[in-house]
C-alpha atoms as a PDB file:
ATOM      1  CA  MET A   1      -6.542  39.870   1.814  1.00  0.00           C
ATOM      2  CA  GLU A   2      -6.922  40.743   5.387  1.00  0.00           C
ATOM      3  CA  SER A   3      -3.803  38.762   6.389  1.00  0.00           C
ATOM      4  CA  VAL A   4      -1.724  40.373   3.745  1.00  0.00           C
ATOM      5  CA  LEU A   5      -2.801  43.867   4.987  1.00  0.00           C
ATOM      6  CA  GLU A   6      -2.054  42.824   8.486  1.00  0.00           C
ATOM      7  CA  LYS A   7       1.300  41.810   7.609  1.00  0.00           C
ATOM      8  CA  LEU A   8       2.104  45.152   5.851  1.00  0.00           C
ATOM      9  CA  LYS A   9       0.747  46.964   8.966  1.00  0.00           C
ATOM     10  CA  ASN A  10       2.862  45.119  11.243  1.00  0.00           C
ATOM     11  CA  SER A  11       6.005  45.198   8.960  1.00  0.00           C
ATOM     12  CA  PHE A  12       5.880  49.039   9.114  1.00  0.00           C
ATOM     13  CA  TRP A  13       5.971  49.234  12.889  1.00  0.00           C
ATOM     14  CA  PHE A  14       8.766  46.777  12.972  1.00  0.00           C
ATOM     15  CA  LEU A  15      10.838  48.603  10.367  1.00  0.00           C
ATOM     16  CA  GLN A  16       9.951  51.979  12.065  1.00  0.00           C
ATOM     17  CA  ILE A  17      10.945  51.105  15.749  1.00  0.00           C
ATOM     18  CA  SER A  18      14.008  49.072  14.510  1.00  0.00           C
ATOM     19  CA  GLY A  19      15.160  51.686  11.934  1.00  0.00           C
ATOM     20  CA  TRP A  20      15.097  54.661  14.398  1.00  0.00           C
ATOM     21  CA  LEU A  21      16.802  52.543  17.305  1.00  0.00           C
ATOM     22  CA  ILE A  22      19.662  51.606  14.781  1.00  0.00           C
ATOM     23  CA  TYR A  23      19.782  55.441  13.776  1.00  0.00           C
ATOM     24  CA  MET A  24      20.092  56.501  17.568  1.00  0.00           C
ATOM     25  CA  VAL A  25      22.919  54.052  18.112  1.00  0.00           C
ATOM     26  CA  VAL A  26      24.769  55.213  15.150  1.00  0.00           C
ATOM     27  CA  ILE A  27      24.720  58.870  15.698  1.00  0.00           C
ATOM     28  CA  PHE A  28      25.541  58.227  19.484  1.00  0.00           C
ATOM     29  CA  ILE A  29      28.782  56.191  18.515  1.00  0.00           C
ATOM     30  CA  THR A  30      29.757  58.663  15.837  1.00  0.00           C
ATOM     31  CA  PHE A  31      30.024  61.529  18.235  1.00  0.00           C
ATOM     32  CA  LEU A  32      31.241  59.431  21.240  1.00  0.00           C
ATOM     33  CA  THR A  33      34.855  60.016  20.436  1.00  0.00           C
ATOM     34  CA  VAL A  34      34.361  63.819  20.603  1.00  0.00           C
ATOM     35  CA  THR A  35      32.616  64.403  23.853  1.00  0.00           C
ATOM     36  CA  SER A  36      33.650  64.375  27.512  1.00  0.00           C
ATOM     37  CA  ASN A  37      30.211  63.774  28.600  1.00  0.00           C
ATOM     38  CA  PRO A  38      28.620  60.455  27.192  1.00  0.00           C
ATOM     39  CA  LEU A  39      25.727  60.670  29.299  1.00  0.00           C
ATOM     40  CA  GLY A  40      24.725  63.999  28.238  1.00  0.00           C
ATOM     41  CA  LEU A  41      25.461  62.929  24.534  1.00  0.00           C
ATOM     42  CA  PHE A  42      23.329  59.862  24.931  1.00  0.00           C
ATOM     43  CA  TYR A  43      20.393  62.182  26.244  1.00  0.00           C
ATOM     44  CA  ILE A  44      20.587  64.644  23.223  1.00  0.00           C
ATOM     45  CA  LYS A  45      21.039  61.849  20.518  1.00  0.00           C
ATOM     46  CA  SER A  46      18.217  59.773  22.003  1.00  0.00           C
ATOM     47  CA  PHE A  47      16.072  62.948  21.936  1.00  0.00           C
ATOM     48  CA  ARG A  48      17.022  63.654  18.419  1.00  0.00           C
ATOM     49  CA  ALA A  49      15.993  60.125  17.336  1.00  0.00           C
ATOM     50  CA  VAL A  50      12.697  60.260  19.420  1.00  0.00           C
ATOM     51  CA  VAL A  51      11.856  63.534  17.567  1.00  0.00           C
ATOM     52  CA  GLY A  52      12.698  61.891  14.191  1.00  0.00           C
ATOM     53  CA  PHE A  53      10.515  58.907  15.182  1.00  0.00           C
ATOM     54  CA  PHE A  54       7.442  61.084  15.905  1.00  0.00           C
ATOM     55  CA  LEU A  55       7.814  63.501  13.034  1.00  0.00           C
ATOM     56  CA  THR A  56       8.027  60.545  10.554  1.00  0.00           C
ATOM     57  CA  LEU A  57       4.893  59.204  12.028  1.00  0.00           C
ATOM     58  CA  ILE A  58       3.275  62.370  11.178  1.00  0.00           C
ATOM     59  CA  LEU A  59       4.704  61.917   7.650  1.00  0.00           C
ATOM     60  CA  TRP A  60       3.491  58.343   7.439  1.00  0.00           C
ATOM     61  CA  ARG A  61      -0.109  59.504   8.291  1.00  0.00           C
ATOM     62  CA  ILE A  62       0.194  62.061   5.224  1.00  0.00           C
ATOM     63  CA  TYR A  63       1.992  59.708   2.931  1.00  0.00           C
ATOM     64  CA  ARG A  64      -0.660  56.972   3.453  1.00  0.00           C
ATOM     65  CA  ARG A  65      -3.324  59.158   1.770  1.00  0.00           C
ATOM     66  CA  MET A  66      -0.991  59.989  -1.181  1.00  0.00           C
ATOM     67  CA  VAL A  67       0.219  56.439  -2.504  1.00  0.00           C
ATOM     68  CA  ASN A  68      -2.916  55.692  -4.506  1.00  0.00           C
ATOM     69  CA  ARG A  69      -4.235  59.051  -5.225  1.00  0.00           C
ATOM     70  CA  LEU A  70      -1.215  61.115  -6.618  1.00  0.00           C
ATOM     71  CA  SER A  71       1.133  60.971  -9.596  1.00  0.00           C
ATOM     72  CA  LEU A  72       4.775  59.869  -8.841  1.00  0.00           C
ATOM     73  CA  THR A  73       5.859  63.396  -9.881  1.00  0.00           C
ATOM     74  CA  SER A  74       3.483  65.071  -7.382  1.00  0.00           C
ATOM     75  CA  ILE A  75       4.583  62.757  -4.570  1.00  0.00           C
ATOM     76  CA  ILE A  76       8.372  63.670  -5.036  1.00  0.00           C
ATOM     77  CA  LEU A  77       7.563  67.413  -4.905  1.00  0.00           C
ATOM     78  CA  ILE A  78       5.580  67.035  -1.794  1.00  0.00           C
ATOM     79  CA  VAL A  79       8.002  64.765  -0.160  1.00  0.00           C
ATOM     80  CA  LEU A  80      10.694  67.155  -0.766  1.00  0.00           C
ATOM     81  CA  VAL A  81       8.636  70.346   0.659  1.00  0.00           C
ATOM     82  CA  LEU A  82       7.700  68.263   3.609  1.00  0.00           C
ATOM     83  CA  ALA A  83      11.211  67.032   4.351  1.00  0.00           C
ATOM     84  CA  VAL A  84      12.435  70.664   4.189  1.00  0.00           C
ATOM     85  CA  VAL A  85       9.571  71.835   6.577  1.00  0.00           C
ATOM     86  CA  PHE A  86       9.736  68.975   9.120  1.00  0.00           C
ATOM     87  CA  GLY A  87      13.736  69.255   8.854  1.00  0.00           C
ATOM     88  CA  CYS A  88      13.505  73.032   9.998  1.00  0.00           C
ATOM     89  CA  LEU A  89      11.101  71.916  12.634  1.00  0.00           C
ATOM     90  CA  TRP A  90      13.180  69.042  13.880  1.00  0.00           C
ATOM     91  CA  ALA A  91      16.187  71.404  14.187  1.00  0.00           C
ATOM     92  CA  LEU A  92      14.083  73.900  16.175  1.00  0.00           C
ATOM     93  CA  ILE A  93      12.827  71.561  18.595  1.00  0.00           C
ATOM     94  CA  GLU A  94      16.112  69.900  19.268  1.00  0.00           C
ATOM     95  CA  GLU A  95      17.593  73.442  19.690  1.00  0.00           C
ATOM     96  CA  VAL A  96      15.031  74.172  22.408  1.00  0.00           C
ATOM     97  CA  TYR A  97      15.677  71.053  24.152  1.00  0.00           C
ATOM     98  CA  ILE A  98      19.420  71.890  24.159  1.00  0.00           C
ATOM     99  CA  TRP A  99      18.701  75.311  25.416  1.00  0.00           C
ATOM    100  CA  PHE A 100      16.885  73.989  28.407  1.00  0.00           C
ATOM    101  CA  ARG A 101      19.422  71.134  28.990  1.00  0.00           C
ATOM    102  CA  VAL A 102      22.817  72.627  28.474  1.00  0.00           C
ATOM    103  CA  ASP A 103      24.277  75.324  30.967  1.00  0.00           C
ATOM    104  CA  ASN A 104      25.539  78.417  29.501  1.00  0.00           C
ATOM    105  CA  TYR A 105      23.721  77.968  26.236  1.00  0.00           C
ATOM    106  CA  GLU A 106      24.460  80.836  23.556  1.00  0.00           C
ATOM    107  CA  LEU A 107      21.977  81.226  21.033  1.00  0.00           C
ATOM    108  CA  SER A 108      24.456  83.450  18.922  1.00  0.00           C
ATOM    109  CA  ARG A 109      26.636  80.320  18.692  1.00  0.00           C
ATOM    110  CA  SER A 110      23.969  77.993  17.698  1.00  0.00           C
ATOM    111  CA  LEU A 111      21.995  80.069  15.282  1.00  0.00           C
ATOM    112  CA  PRO A 112      24.548  80.143  12.383  1.00  0.00           C
ATOM    113  CA  ASN A 113      24.611  76.402  12.317  1.00  0.00           C
ATOM    114  CA  LEU A 114      20.844  75.998  12.454  1.00  0.00           C
ATOM    115  CA  PRO A 115      20.293  75.952   8.701  1.00  0.00           C
ATOM    116  CA  LYS A 116      23.050  73.272   8.138  1.00  0.00           C
ATOM    117  CA  VAL A 117      21.393  71.028  10.944  1.00  0.00           C
ATOM    118  CA  ALA A 118      18.138  71.761   9.264  1.00  0.00           C
ATOM    119  CA  LEU A 119      19.271  70.523   5.799  1.00  0.00           C
ATOM    120  CA  ASP A 120      20.922  67.401   7.421  1.00  0.00           C
ATOM    121  CA  TYR A 121      17.607  66.497   8.983  1.00  0.00           C
ATOM    122  CA  ALA A 122      15.727  67.230   5.744  1.00  0.00           C
ATOM    123  CA  MET A 123      18.064  64.828   3.895  1.00  0.00           C
ATOM    124  CA  THR A 124      17.330  62.250   6.611  1.00  0.00           C
ATOM    125  CA  LEU A 125      13.625  62.672   6.235  1.00  0.00           C
ATOM    126  CA  THR A 126      13.987  62.655   2.396  1.00  0.00           C
ATOM    127  CA  GLY A 127      15.929  59.189   3.018  1.00  0.00           C
ATOM    128  CA  TRP A 128      13.178  57.851   5.208  1.00  0.00           C
ATOM    129  CA  SER A 129      10.474  58.916   2.756  1.00  0.00           C
ATOM    130  CA  ALA A 130      12.265  57.263  -0.219  1.00  0.00           C
ATOM    131  CA  VAL A 131      12.519  54.113   1.996  1.00  0.00           C
ATOM    132  CA  TYR A 132       8.821  54.270   2.757  1.00  0.00           C
ATOM    133  CA  PHE A 133       7.634  54.855  -0.820  1.00  0.00           C
ATOM    134  CA  GLY A 134       9.975  52.242  -2.117  1.00  0.00           C
ATOM    135  CA  ILE A 135       8.754  49.580   0.348  1.00  0.00           C
ATOM    136  CA  LYS A 136       5.115  50.595  -0.263  1.00  0.00           C
ATOM    137  CA  TYR A 137       5.377  50.442  -3.981  1.00  0.00           C
ATOM    138  CA  TRP A 138       7.341  47.010  -3.777  1.00  0.00           C
ATOM    139  CA  GLN A 139       4.527  45.710  -1.535  1.00  0.00           C
ATOM    140  CA  LYS A 140       1.841  47.075  -3.978  1.00  0.00           C
ATOM    141  CA  TRP A 141       3.623  45.392  -6.917  1.00  0.00           C
ATOM    142  CA  GLN A 142       3.931  42.061  -4.933  1.00  0.00           C
ATOM    143  CA  ILE A 143       0.112  42.137  -4.137  1.00  0.00           C
ATOM    144  CA  GLU A 144      -0.573  42.884  -7.806  1.00  0.00           C
ATOM    145  CA  GLN A 145       1.570  40.086  -8.888  1.00  0.00           C
ATOM    146  CA  GLU A 146      -0.178  37.642  -6.408  1.00  0.00           C
ATOM    147  CA  ASN A 147      -3.529  38.835  -7.681  1.00  0.00           C
ATOM    148  CA  ALA A 148      -2.319  38.481 -11.322  1.00  0.00           C
ATOM    149  CA  LEU A 149      -1.083  34.988 -10.614  1.00  0.00           C
ATOM    150  CA  GLN A 150      -4.199  33.937  -8.667  1.00  0.00           C
ATOM    151  CA  SER A 151      -6.502  35.300 -11.445  1.00  0.00           C
ATOM    152  CA  ALA A 152      -4.310  33.327 -14.115  1.00  0.00           C
ATOM    153  CA  PHE A 153      -4.660  30.199 -11.918  1.00  0.00           C
ATOM    154  CA  LEU A 154      -8.407  30.561 -11.457  1.00  0.00           C
ATOM    155  CA  ALA A 155      -8.791  31.255 -15.240  1.00  0.00           C
ATOM    156  CA  ASP A 156      -6.989  28.088 -16.245  1.00  0.00           C
ATOM    157  CA  LYS A 157      -8.752  26.106 -13.637  1.00  0.00           C
ATOM    158  CA  ALA A 158     -11.992  27.244 -15.086  1.00  0.00           C
ATOM    159  CA  GLN A 159     -10.922  26.579 -18.587  1.00  0.00           C
ATOM    160  CA  LEU A 160      -9.893  23.089 -17.701  1.00  0.00           C
ATOM    161  CA  GLU A 161     -13.071  22.480 -15.922  1.00  0.00           C
ATOM    162  CA  VAL A 162     -14.996  23.549 -19.168  1.00  0.00           C
ATOM    163  CA  LEU A 163     -12.795  21.083 -21.155  1.00  0.00           C
ATOM    164  CA  ARG A 164     -13.397  18.347 -18.517  1.00  0.00           C
ATOM    165  CA  TYR A 165     -17.115  18.817 -18.514  1.00  0.00           C
ATOM    166  CA  GLN A 166     -17.316  19.088 -22.264  1.00  0.00           C
ATOM    167  CA  LEU A 167     -16.314  15.288 -22.249  1.00  0.00           C
ATOM    168  CA  ASN A 168     -18.977  14.019 -20.222  1.00  0.00           C
ATOM    169  CA  PRO A 169     -21.809  14.779 -22.416  1.00  0.00           C
ATOM    170  CA  HIS A 170     -19.869  13.495 -25.474  1.00  0.00           C
ATOM    171  CA  PHE A 171     -19.326  10.148 -23.757  1.00  0.00           C
ATOM    172  CA  LEU A 172     -22.655   9.905 -22.631  1.00  0.00           C
ATOM    173  CA  PHE A 173     -24.154  10.645 -26.207  1.00  0.00           C
ATOM    174  CA  ASN A 174     -22.264   7.907 -27.560  1.00  0.00           C
ATOM    175  CA  ALA A 175     -22.780   5.467 -24.834  1.00  0.00           C
ATOM    176  CA  LEU A 176     -26.700   6.012 -24.888  1.00  0.00           C
ATOM    177  CA  ASN A 177     -26.509   5.552 -28.687  1.00  0.00           C
ATOM    178  CA  SER A 178     -25.012   2.176 -28.069  1.00  0.00           C
ATOM    179  CA  ILE A 179     -27.463   1.225 -25.448  1.00  0.00           C
ATOM    180  CA  ARG A 180     -30.285   2.325 -27.735  1.00  0.00           C
ATOM    181  CA  ALA A 181     -29.066   0.178 -30.573  1.00  0.00           C
ATOM    182  CA  SER A 182     -29.077  -2.866 -28.079  1.00  0.00           C
ATOM    183  CA  VAL A 183     -32.524  -2.480 -26.530  1.00  0.00           C
ATOM    184  CA  ASP A 184     -34.531  -3.988 -29.360  1.00  0.00           C
ATOM    185  CA  GLU A 185     -31.955  -6.803 -29.875  1.00  0.00           C
ATOM    186  CA  ASP A 186     -31.193  -8.064 -26.464  1.00  0.00           C
ATOM    187  CA  LYS A 187     -32.924  -6.484 -23.301  1.00  0.00           C
ATOM    188  CA  ASN A 188     -30.367  -8.329 -20.975  1.00  0.00           C
ATOM    189  CA  ARG A 189     -27.353  -7.047 -23.059  1.00  0.00           C
ATOM    190  CA  ALA A 190     -28.890  -3.440 -22.807  1.00  0.00           C
ATOM    191  CA  LYS A 191     -29.139  -3.943 -18.958  1.00  0.00           C
ATOM    192  CA  ARG A 192     -25.526  -4.954 -18.724  1.00  0.00           C
ATOM    193  CA  MET A 193     -24.579  -1.957 -20.809  1.00  0.00           C
ATOM    194  CA  ILE A 194     -26.534   0.388 -18.440  1.00  0.00           C
ATOM    195  CA  THR A 195     -24.747  -1.135 -15.460  1.00  0.00           C
ATOM    196  CA  GLN A 196     -21.253  -0.460 -16.997  1.00  0.00           C
ATOM    197  CA  LEU A 197     -22.471   2.952 -17.971  1.00  0.00           C
ATOM    198  CA  SER A 198     -23.496   3.695 -14.382  1.00  0.00           C
ATOM    199  CA  GLU A 199     -20.044   2.528 -13.241  1.00  0.00           C
ATOM    200  CA  PHE A 200     -18.372   4.850 -15.660  1.00  0.00           C
ATOM    201  CA  LEU A 201     -20.534   7.848 -14.513  1.00  0.00           C
ATOM    202  CA  ARG A 202     -19.859   6.994 -10.852  1.00  0.00           C
ATOM    203  CA  HIS A 203     -16.102   7.112 -11.444  1.00  0.00           C
ATOM    204  CA  SER A 204     -16.494  10.497 -13.379  1.00  0.00           C
ATOM    205  CA  LEU A 205     -18.554  12.012 -10.436  1.00  0.00           C
ATOM    206  CA  LEU A 206     -16.353  10.696  -7.580  1.00  0.00           C
ATOM    207  CA  SER A 207     -13.321  12.006  -9.323  1.00  0.00           C
ATOM    208  CA  ALA A 208     -14.781  15.450 -10.078  1.00  0.00           C
ATOM    209  CA  GLU A 209     -13.066  17.307  -7.285  1.00  0.00           C
ATOM    210  CA  LYS A 210      -9.592  15.760  -8.129  1.00  0.00           C
ATOM    211  CA  LYS A 211      -7.184  17.281 -10.381  1.00  0.00           C
ATOM    212  CA  GLU A 212      -5.263  14.096 -11.003  1.00  0.00           C
ATOM    213  CA  ILE A 213      -6.061  10.543 -10.299  1.00  0.00           C
ATOM    214  CA  PRO A 214      -3.850   7.183 -10.451  1.00  0.00           C
ATOM    215  CA  LEU A 215      -3.690   5.494 -13.780  1.00  0.00           C
ATOM    216  CA  ARG A 216      -5.268   2.379 -12.280  1.00  0.00           C
ATOM    217  CA  GLU A 217      -8.484   4.232 -11.537  1.00  0.00           C
ATOM    218  CA  GLU A 218      -8.446   5.834 -14.932  1.00  0.00           C
ATOM    219  CA  LEU A 219      -8.119   2.162 -16.361  1.00  0.00           C
ATOM    220  CA  GLU A 220     -11.173   1.096 -14.589  1.00  0.00           C
ATOM    221  CA  ALA A 221     -13.164   3.814 -16.234  1.00  0.00           C
ATOM    222  CA  VAL A 222     -11.853   2.766 -19.522  1.00  0.00           C
ATOM    223  CA  GLN A 223     -12.710  -0.832 -18.812  1.00  0.00           C
ATOM    224  CA  ASN A 224     -16.219  -0.036 -18.053  1.00  0.00           C
ATOM    225  CA  TYR A 225     -16.504   2.058 -21.315  1.00  0.00           C
ATOM    226  CA  LEU A 226     -15.178  -0.716 -23.182  1.00  0.00           C
ATOM    227  CA  ALA A 227     -17.384  -3.337 -21.602  1.00  0.00           C
ATOM    228  CA  ILE A 228     -20.312  -1.379 -23.154  1.00  0.00           C
ATOM    229  CA  GLU A 229     -18.775  -1.412 -26.454  1.00  0.00           C
ATOM    230  CA  LYS A 230     -17.799  -5.064 -26.307  1.00  0.00           C
ATOM    231  CA  ILE A 231     -21.271  -6.116 -25.371  1.00  0.00           C
ATOM    232  CA  ARG A 232     -22.594  -4.171 -28.406  1.00  0.00           C
ATOM    233  CA  PHE A 233     -19.960  -5.206 -30.986  1.00  0.00           C
ATOM    234  CA  GLU A 234     -19.139  -8.706 -29.477  1.00  0.00           C
ATOM    235  CA  ASP A 235     -16.668 -10.587 -31.759  1.00  0.00           C
ATOM    236  CA  LYS A 236     -16.278  -7.510 -33.902  1.00  0.00           C
ATOM    237  CA  LEU A 237     -14.079  -5.977 -31.127  1.00  0.00           C
ATOM    238  CA  GLU A 238     -10.944  -7.318 -29.630  1.00  0.00           C
ATOM    239  CA  ILE A 239      -9.326  -5.545 -26.677  1.00  0.00           C
ATOM    240  CA  LYS A 240      -6.083  -5.902 -24.983  1.00  0.00           C
ATOM    241  CA  PHE A 241      -4.334  -4.168 -22.231  1.00  0.00           C
ATOM    242  CA  GLU A 242      -0.560  -4.017 -21.711  1.00  0.00           C
ATOM    243  CA  ILE A 243      -0.102  -2.174 -18.443  1.00  0.00           C
ATOM    244  CA  GLU A 244       3.184  -2.076 -16.629  1.00  0.00           C
ATOM    245  CA  GLU A 245       2.742  -2.322 -12.616  1.00  0.00           C
ATOM    246  CA  SER A 246       5.119   0.508 -12.167  1.00  0.00           C
ATOM    247  CA  ALA A 247       2.986   2.876 -14.212  1.00  0.00           C
ATOM    248  CA  LYS A 248      -0.360   2.029 -12.432  1.00  0.00           C
ATOM    249  CA  ASP A 249       0.190   4.577  -9.421  1.00  0.00           C
ATOM    250  CA  PHE A 250       1.304   7.445 -11.918  1.00  0.00           C
ATOM    251  CA  LYS A 251      -1.133  10.279 -11.758  1.00  0.00           C
ATOM    252  CA  ILE A 252      -2.889  11.518 -14.833  1.00  0.00           C
ATOM    253  CA  PRO A 253      -5.951  13.874 -15.329  1.00  0.00           C
ATOM    254  CA  CYS A 254      -9.129  12.431 -14.937  1.00  0.00           C
ATOM    255  CA  LEU A 255     -11.026  11.089 -18.248  1.00  0.00           C
ATOM    256  CA  LEU A 256      -7.651  11.558 -20.254  1.00  0.00           C
ATOM    257  CA  LEU A 257      -7.779   7.955 -21.825  1.00  0.00           C
ATOM    258  CA  ASN A 258     -11.403   7.657 -22.645  1.00  0.00           C
ATOM    259  CA  PRO A 259     -11.470  10.220 -25.564  1.00  0.00           C
ATOM    260  CA  LEU A 260      -8.660   8.222 -27.195  1.00  0.00           C
ATOM    261  CA  VAL A 261     -10.501   4.747 -26.810  1.00  0.00           C
ATOM    262  CA  GLU A 262     -13.667   6.272 -28.069  1.00  0.00           C
ATOM    263  CA  ASN A 263     -11.811   7.544 -31.255  1.00  0.00           C
ATOM    264  CA  ALA A 264     -10.028   4.374 -31.741  1.00  0.00           C
ATOM    265  CA  ILE A 265     -13.404   2.558 -31.815  1.00  0.00           C
ATOM    266  CA  LYS A 266     -15.362   5.069 -33.757  1.00  0.00           C
ATOM    267  CA  HIS A 267     -12.727   5.688 -36.695  1.00  0.00           C
ATOM    268  CA  GLY A 268     -11.377   2.178 -36.446  1.00  0.00           C
ATOM    269  CA  LEU A 269     -14.629   0.607 -37.282  1.00  0.00           C
ATOM    270  CA  GLN A 270     -14.786   2.725 -40.474  1.00  0.00           C
ATOM    271  CA  THR A 271     -11.252   1.702 -41.769  1.00  0.00           C
ATOM    272  CA  SER A 272     -10.162  -1.597 -40.076  1.00  0.00           C
ATOM    273  CA  PRO A 273     -10.884  -5.119 -41.249  1.00  0.00           C
ATOM    274  CA  LYS A 274     -12.950  -7.099 -38.823  1.00  0.00           C
ATOM    275  CA  PRO A 275     -12.366  -7.620 -35.968  1.00  0.00           C
ATOM    276  CA  LEU A 276     -11.216  -4.154 -34.841  1.00  0.00           C
ATOM    277  CA  LYS A 277      -8.193  -4.613 -32.456  1.00  0.00           C
ATOM    278  CA  ILE A 278      -7.859  -2.220 -29.726  1.00  0.00           C
ATOM    279  CA  LYS A 279      -4.509  -2.204 -27.653  1.00  0.00           C
ATOM    280  CA  ILE A 280      -4.154   0.227 -24.547  1.00  0.00           C
ATOM    281  CA  SER A 281      -0.552   0.311 -22.977  1.00  0.00           C
ATOM    282  CA  ALA A 282       1.205   2.028 -20.212  1.00  0.00           C
ATOM    283  CA  ARG A 283       4.786   2.039 -19.460  1.00  0.00           C
ATOM    284  CA  ILE A 284       7.423   4.209 -17.735  1.00  0.00           C
ATOM    285  CA  GLU A 285      10.324   4.994 -20.121  1.00  0.00           C
ATOM    286  CA  ASP A 286      13.225   7.566 -19.745  1.00  0.00           C
ATOM    287  CA  GLU A 287      11.519   9.375 -16.824  1.00  0.00           C
ATOM    288  CA  LYS A 288       8.137   9.821 -18.514  1.00  0.00           C
ATOM    289  CA  LEU A 289       4.870   8.043 -18.540  1.00  0.00           C
ATOM    290  CA  VAL A 290       4.059   6.737 -22.097  1.00  0.00           C
ATOM    291  CA  LEU A 291       0.294   5.921 -22.594  1.00  0.00           C
ATOM    292  CA  GLU A 292      -0.843   4.489 -26.083  1.00  0.00           C
ATOM    293  CA  VAL A 293      -4.028   3.633 -27.392  1.00  0.00           C
ATOM    294  CA  ALA A 294      -3.846   1.618 -30.704  1.00  0.00           C
ATOM    295  CA  ASN A 295      -6.469   0.586 -33.239  1.00  0.00           C
ATOM    296  CA  THR A 296      -6.265  -1.172 -36.518  1.00  0.00           C
ATOM    297  CA  GLY A 297      -7.166   1.088 -39.281  1.00  0.00           C
ATOM    298  CA  LYS A 298      -5.851   4.130 -41.284  1.00  0.00           C
ATOM    299  CA  LEU A 299      -4.645   7.545 -39.941  1.00  0.00           C
ATOM    300  CA  ASP A 300      -5.625   9.309 -43.254  1.00  0.00           C
ATOM    301  CA  ASN A 301      -9.525   8.519 -42.657  1.00  0.00           C
ATOM    302  CA  LEU A 302      -9.290   9.973 -39.165  1.00  0.00           C
ATOM    303  CA  HIS A 303      -7.675  13.200 -40.679  1.00  0.00           C
ATOM    304  CA  ASN A 304     -10.433  13.690 -43.118  1.00  0.00           C
ATOM    305  CA  SER A 305     -13.221  12.640 -40.897  1.00  0.00           C
ATOM    306  CA  ASN A 306     -16.195  15.074 -40.567  1.00  0.00           C
ATOM    307  CA  GLY A 307     -16.523  14.278 -36.822  1.00  0.00           C
ATOM    308  CA  THR A 308     -16.096  17.069 -34.228  1.00  0.00           C
ATOM    309  CA  LYS A 309     -12.991  15.497 -32.713  1.00  0.00           C
ATOM    310  CA  ILE A 310     -13.737  17.240 -29.534  1.00  0.00           C
ATOM    311  CA  GLY A 311     -12.311  14.334 -27.396  1.00  0.00           C
ATOM    312  CA  LEU A 312      -8.821  14.585 -29.068  1.00  0.00           C
ATOM    313  CA  LYS A 313      -8.837  18.354 -28.952  1.00  0.00           C
ATOM    314  CA  ASN A 314      -9.592  18.289 -25.341  1.00  0.00           C
ATOM    315  CA  VAL A 315      -6.711  15.789 -24.640  1.00  0.00           C
ATOM    316  CA  ARG A 316      -4.240  18.138 -26.431  1.00  0.00           C
ATOM    317  CA  GLU A 317      -5.589  21.195 -24.571  1.00  0.00           C
ATOM    318  CA  ARG A 318      -5.651  19.883 -21.123  1.00  0.00           C
ATOM    319  CA  LEU A 319      -2.091  18.460 -21.503  1.00  0.00           C
ATOM    320  CA  GLU A 320      -0.900  21.700 -22.681  1.00  0.00           C
ATOM    321  CA  LYS A 321      -2.611  23.464 -19.715  1.00  0.00           C
ATOM    322  CA  LEU A 322      -1.515  21.130 -16.933  1.00  0.00           C
ATOM    323  CA  TYR A 323       1.922  20.262 -18.184  1.00  0.00           C
ATOM    324  CA  GLY A 324       3.073  22.522 -20.800  1.00  0.00           C
ATOM    325  CA  GLU A 325       6.185  21.278 -22.558  1.00  0.00           C
ATOM    326  CA  LYS A 326       6.249  18.063 -20.253  1.00  0.00           C
ATOM    327  CA  GLY A 327       3.050  16.872 -21.704  1.00  0.00           C
ATOM    328  CA  SER A 328       2.608  15.844 -25.343  1.00  0.00           C
ATOM    329  CA  PHE A 329      -0.022  14.104 -27.540  1.00  0.00           C
ATOM    330  CA  GLU A 330       0.474  12.717 -31.059  1.00  0.00           C
ATOM    331  CA  LEU A 331      -1.418  10.509 -33.523  1.00  0.00           C
ATOM    332  CA  THR A 332       0.858   8.258 -35.728  1.00  0.00           C
ATOM    333  CA  GLN A 333       0.526   5.271 -38.054  1.00  0.00           C
ATOM    334  CA  ARG A 334       2.587   2.506 -37.139  1.00  0.00           C
ATOM    335  CA  GLY A 335       2.104  -0.525 -39.610  1.00  0.00           C
ATOM    336  CA  LYS A 336      -1.517  -1.536 -39.438  1.00  0.00           C
ATOM    337  CA  PHE A 337      -2.141   0.398 -36.299  1.00  0.00           C
ATOM    338  CA  VAL A 338      -3.084   3.980 -35.617  1.00  0.00           C
ATOM    339  CA  ILE A 339      -1.545   5.089 -32.371  1.00  0.00           C
ATOM    340  CA  ALA A 340      -2.801   7.857 -30.060  1.00  0.00           C
ATOM    341  CA  GLY A 341       0.210   8.546 -27.837  1.00  0.00           C
ATOM    342  CA  ILE A 342       0.550  10.607 -24.765  1.00  0.00           C
ATOM    343  CA  GLU A 343       3.823  11.407 -22.885  1.00  0.00           C
ATOM    344  CA  ILE A 344       4.053  13.106 -19.582  1.00  0.00           C
ATOM    345  CA  HIS A 345       7.540  13.824 -18.248  1.00  0.00           C
ATOM    346  CA  TYR A 346       8.212  13.694 -14.350  1.00  0.00           C
END
């Protein structure tokens, strides 16, 4: 926030100085063709610009207190009144300067012209005020837009983190149940399962600060999870990977595939003849990454399941948050296989 305010402050001085320099040059050139004393004209027009510069500095000091305190109607009324007052003051100061500078000065000739000059200067000050408030409100709108975007980004980030961390307890609960079921049957098998689980958790912790990771790293976590289930179910579970080499470096959200694999095992075991076949594939197709987790079984049973389906819900919501229309998730039945498919467009 400090850097933004500093930029606004610096921009005022740049515009103020450059604006009045341009004003001085314009009024000097405008009257240059109707004078026989260019140097004298330069002094007068320079003095006019300097007076305008310092008068608008006083207005600036006043206006700064008005921006966030008064309504737009009140600001307009005050600007008009101040423009008239300062326009008259500007005309009087310039008239006094000319009186001292010009020989044979005649007040009677200049006096009738004074209201017109004052009105001229009042219009100049009104124009300066309009530019000032226009820029000020535009800058204020810009800051509000930046704050709104930042707030939206932080809200989305927080929501994604909630979705992400909802998954870890879900995975952990199911993995620990698998280990618990194996402890009494085969201690060595339970130890291997614990090792695989620790590898899975290590992957989760190491990637906690990353928004996206290469698919190859996500597949390592999937393999660790499946190793636990393979030890538990042995010949009742068949696993196959079909991963294109070109897809392995494609970046995806961390822990995106695991919920699909978990659901494939959980619901596949309820409806599939043994052995349950799990196939995980990834390919690049028509400028998009296509991920599929397929399991033998029936889709109807999955739809009617009383489970929480938190994993599939999180996958869908995370894709929507991160990719919008460029990411999609769909469950379909293809022959004997239930397909959980993800597509992410470049």
